N, C-alpha and C. Protein backbone atom coordinates (compact mmCIF):
# COMPACT_ATOMS: atom_id res chain seq x y z
N UNK A 1 23.84 11.41 -16.38
CA UNK A 1 22.85 10.33 -16.39
C UNK A 1 23.13 9.34 -17.51
N UNK A 2 22.76 8.12 -17.29
CA UNK A 2 22.91 7.07 -18.29
C UNK A 2 21.55 6.81 -18.93
N UNK A 3 21.34 7.22 -20.20
CA UNK A 3 20.04 6.98 -20.83
C UNK A 3 19.88 5.52 -21.23
N UNK A 4 18.66 5.02 -21.11
CA UNK A 4 18.38 3.64 -21.48
C UNK A 4 16.93 3.53 -21.94
N UNK A 5 16.67 2.54 -22.76
CA UNK A 5 15.31 2.30 -23.24
C UNK A 5 14.73 1.03 -22.63
N UNK A 6 15.37 -0.10 -22.84
CA UNK A 6 14.79 -1.36 -22.35
C UNK A 6 15.75 -2.20 -21.52
N UNK A 7 17.02 -1.81 -21.47
CA UNK A 7 17.97 -2.61 -20.69
C UNK A 7 19.17 -1.78 -20.28
N UNK A 8 19.82 -2.25 -19.25
CA UNK A 8 21.06 -1.63 -18.80
C UNK A 8 22.04 -2.78 -18.53
N UNK A 9 23.29 -2.54 -18.84
CA UNK A 9 24.33 -3.54 -18.61
C UNK A 9 25.16 -3.12 -17.40
N UNK A 10 25.40 -4.06 -16.51
CA UNK A 10 26.25 -3.81 -15.35
C UNK A 10 27.49 -4.68 -15.50
N UNK A 11 28.63 -4.04 -15.53
CA UNK A 11 29.92 -4.72 -15.63
C UNK A 11 30.69 -4.35 -14.37
N UNK A 12 30.72 -5.24 -13.41
CA UNK A 12 31.25 -4.96 -12.07
C UNK A 12 32.50 -5.79 -11.84
N UNK A 13 33.47 -5.23 -11.19
CA UNK A 13 34.76 -5.89 -10.98
C UNK A 13 34.71 -7.05 -10.00
N UNK A 14 33.65 -7.17 -9.25
CA UNK A 14 33.55 -8.22 -8.23
C UNK A 14 32.84 -9.45 -8.79
N UNK A 15 33.14 -10.57 -8.22
CA UNK A 15 32.47 -11.82 -8.61
C UNK A 15 30.97 -11.74 -8.36
N UNK A 16 30.59 -11.30 -7.18
CA UNK A 16 29.18 -11.24 -6.80
C UNK A 16 28.82 -9.83 -6.38
N UNK A 17 27.69 -9.32 -6.85
CA UNK A 17 27.24 -7.98 -6.47
C UNK A 17 25.73 -7.94 -6.41
N UNK A 18 25.21 -6.93 -5.75
CA UNK A 18 23.78 -6.66 -5.69
C UNK A 18 23.52 -5.33 -6.39
N UNK A 19 22.32 -5.19 -6.96
CA UNK A 19 21.95 -3.90 -7.55
C UNK A 19 20.54 -3.54 -7.13
N UNK A 20 20.30 -2.23 -7.07
CA UNK A 20 18.99 -1.68 -6.75
C UNK A 20 18.73 -0.52 -7.69
N UNK A 21 17.54 -0.46 -8.25
CA UNK A 21 17.11 0.71 -9.00
C UNK A 21 15.98 1.32 -8.20
N UNK A 22 16.15 2.59 -7.82
CA UNK A 22 15.14 3.28 -7.02
C UNK A 22 14.63 4.50 -7.76
N UNK A 23 13.37 4.86 -7.49
CA UNK A 23 12.87 6.11 -8.04
C UNK A 23 13.42 7.25 -7.20
N UNK A 24 13.10 8.48 -7.56
CA UNK A 24 13.67 9.63 -6.86
C UNK A 24 13.12 9.80 -5.45
N UNK A 25 12.04 9.09 -5.13
CA UNK A 25 11.50 9.10 -3.77
C UNK A 25 12.16 8.03 -2.90
N UNK A 26 13.03 7.20 -3.50
CA UNK A 26 13.73 6.17 -2.74
C UNK A 26 13.08 4.80 -2.77
N UNK A 27 11.96 4.66 -3.49
CA UNK A 27 11.27 3.37 -3.57
C UNK A 27 12.01 2.45 -4.54
N UNK A 28 12.30 1.23 -4.12
CA UNK A 28 12.98 0.26 -4.98
C UNK A 28 12.00 -0.24 -6.04
N UNK A 29 12.37 -0.07 -7.31
CA UNK A 29 11.52 -0.53 -8.41
C UNK A 29 12.06 -1.81 -9.05
N UNK A 30 13.34 -2.11 -8.82
CA UNK A 30 13.93 -3.35 -9.33
C UNK A 30 15.19 -3.62 -8.52
N UNK A 31 15.44 -4.89 -8.26
CA UNK A 31 16.66 -5.26 -7.54
C UNK A 31 17.07 -6.66 -7.98
N UNK A 32 18.29 -7.00 -7.68
CA UNK A 32 18.78 -8.33 -8.01
C UNK A 32 20.24 -8.47 -7.69
N UNK A 33 20.83 -9.53 -8.18
CA UNK A 33 22.26 -9.77 -7.96
C UNK A 33 22.84 -10.39 -9.22
N UNK A 34 24.16 -10.39 -9.29
CA UNK A 34 24.80 -10.95 -10.47
C UNK A 34 26.25 -11.27 -10.21
N UNK A 35 26.87 -11.80 -11.24
CA UNK A 35 28.29 -12.16 -11.22
C UNK A 35 28.98 -11.45 -12.37
N UNK A 36 29.90 -10.58 -12.07
CA UNK A 36 30.75 -9.87 -13.04
C UNK A 36 29.97 -9.01 -14.03
N UNK A 37 29.20 -9.60 -14.94
CA UNK A 37 28.46 -8.84 -15.95
C UNK A 37 27.04 -9.38 -16.06
N UNK A 38 26.07 -8.46 -16.07
CA UNK A 38 24.68 -8.87 -16.28
C UNK A 38 23.96 -7.83 -17.13
N UNK A 39 22.85 -8.25 -17.69
CA UNK A 39 21.95 -7.37 -18.43
C UNK A 39 20.66 -7.29 -17.63
N UNK A 40 20.20 -6.08 -17.34
CA UNK A 40 18.99 -5.89 -16.54
C UNK A 40 17.88 -5.39 -17.45
N UNK A 41 16.75 -6.09 -17.45
CA UNK A 41 15.59 -5.72 -18.26
C UNK A 41 14.85 -4.56 -17.60
N UNK A 42 14.68 -3.47 -18.33
CA UNK A 42 13.99 -2.29 -17.80
C UNK A 42 12.62 -2.09 -18.44
N UNK A 43 12.17 -3.02 -19.25
CA UNK A 43 10.95 -2.83 -20.03
C UNK A 43 9.69 -2.65 -19.18
N UNK A 44 9.69 -3.11 -17.94
CA UNK A 44 8.52 -2.99 -17.08
C UNK A 44 8.58 -1.76 -16.17
N UNK A 45 9.60 -0.92 -16.34
CA UNK A 45 9.75 0.28 -15.52
C UNK A 45 9.33 1.49 -16.34
N UNK A 46 8.55 2.37 -15.73
CA UNK A 46 8.08 3.58 -16.41
C UNK A 46 9.23 4.50 -16.79
N UNK A 47 9.01 5.32 -17.80
CA UNK A 47 10.01 6.31 -18.17
C UNK A 47 10.21 7.29 -17.02
N UNK A 48 11.41 7.81 -16.91
CA UNK A 48 11.70 8.78 -15.86
C UNK A 48 13.11 8.68 -15.34
N UNK A 49 13.35 9.38 -14.24
CA UNK A 49 14.66 9.44 -13.60
C UNK A 49 14.72 8.43 -12.45
N UNK A 50 15.83 7.72 -12.36
CA UNK A 50 16.03 6.72 -11.33
C UNK A 50 17.47 6.77 -10.84
N UNK A 51 17.74 6.01 -9.80
CA UNK A 51 19.10 5.88 -9.27
C UNK A 51 19.46 4.40 -9.30
N UNK A 52 20.61 4.09 -9.86
CA UNK A 52 21.13 2.72 -9.90
C UNK A 52 22.25 2.62 -8.88
N UNK A 53 22.12 1.69 -7.95
CA UNK A 53 23.17 1.44 -6.96
C UNK A 53 23.66 0.01 -7.13
N UNK A 54 24.98 -0.14 -7.22
CA UNK A 54 25.61 -1.46 -7.34
C UNK A 54 26.60 -1.58 -6.19
N UNK A 55 26.56 -2.72 -5.48
CA UNK A 55 27.45 -2.85 -4.33
C UNK A 55 27.82 -4.30 -4.07
N UNK A 56 28.91 -4.45 -3.33
CA UNK A 56 29.30 -5.73 -2.77
C UNK A 56 29.78 -5.46 -1.35
N UNK A 57 30.45 -6.39 -0.74
CA UNK A 57 30.88 -6.23 0.65
C UNK A 57 31.87 -5.08 0.83
N UNK A 58 32.62 -4.73 -0.21
CA UNK A 58 33.67 -3.72 -0.08
C UNK A 58 33.37 -2.40 -0.76
N UNK A 59 32.64 -2.40 -1.86
CA UNK A 59 32.45 -1.20 -2.67
C UNK A 59 30.99 -0.92 -2.96
N UNK A 60 30.74 0.36 -3.31
CA UNK A 60 29.38 0.77 -3.68
C UNK A 60 29.50 1.93 -4.67
N UNK A 61 28.72 1.87 -5.75
CA UNK A 61 28.63 2.99 -6.66
C UNK A 61 27.17 3.36 -6.85
N UNK A 62 26.92 4.61 -7.14
CA UNK A 62 25.58 5.11 -7.40
C UNK A 62 25.64 5.95 -8.67
N UNK A 63 24.69 5.72 -9.58
CA UNK A 63 24.63 6.46 -10.83
C UNK A 63 23.19 6.87 -11.11
N UNK A 64 23.02 8.03 -11.72
CA UNK A 64 21.70 8.44 -12.20
C UNK A 64 21.38 7.62 -13.44
N UNK A 65 20.11 7.29 -13.60
CA UNK A 65 19.66 6.48 -14.72
C UNK A 65 18.39 7.11 -15.27
N UNK A 66 18.37 7.40 -16.56
CA UNK A 66 17.19 7.94 -17.22
C UNK A 66 16.63 6.87 -18.14
N UNK A 67 15.36 6.54 -17.95
CA UNK A 67 14.70 5.53 -18.78
C UNK A 67 13.73 6.26 -19.70
N UNK A 68 13.86 5.99 -21.00
CA UNK A 68 13.01 6.62 -22.02
C UNK A 68 11.94 5.68 -22.49
């Protein structure tokens, strides 16, 4: 898991990508898009376990995310 307090950084090899943060029940709590590198504000999300998915037309990664 990737621990975080108020932000997470996404550094993606593609020019354009989408991201989704979901709770363990699958509900999307935050989503957006970016170019290469972005900083995502997590300050409005409750502490707990989440899943971060980053994807573009060709690739997709999924990582566990713990917010403190």
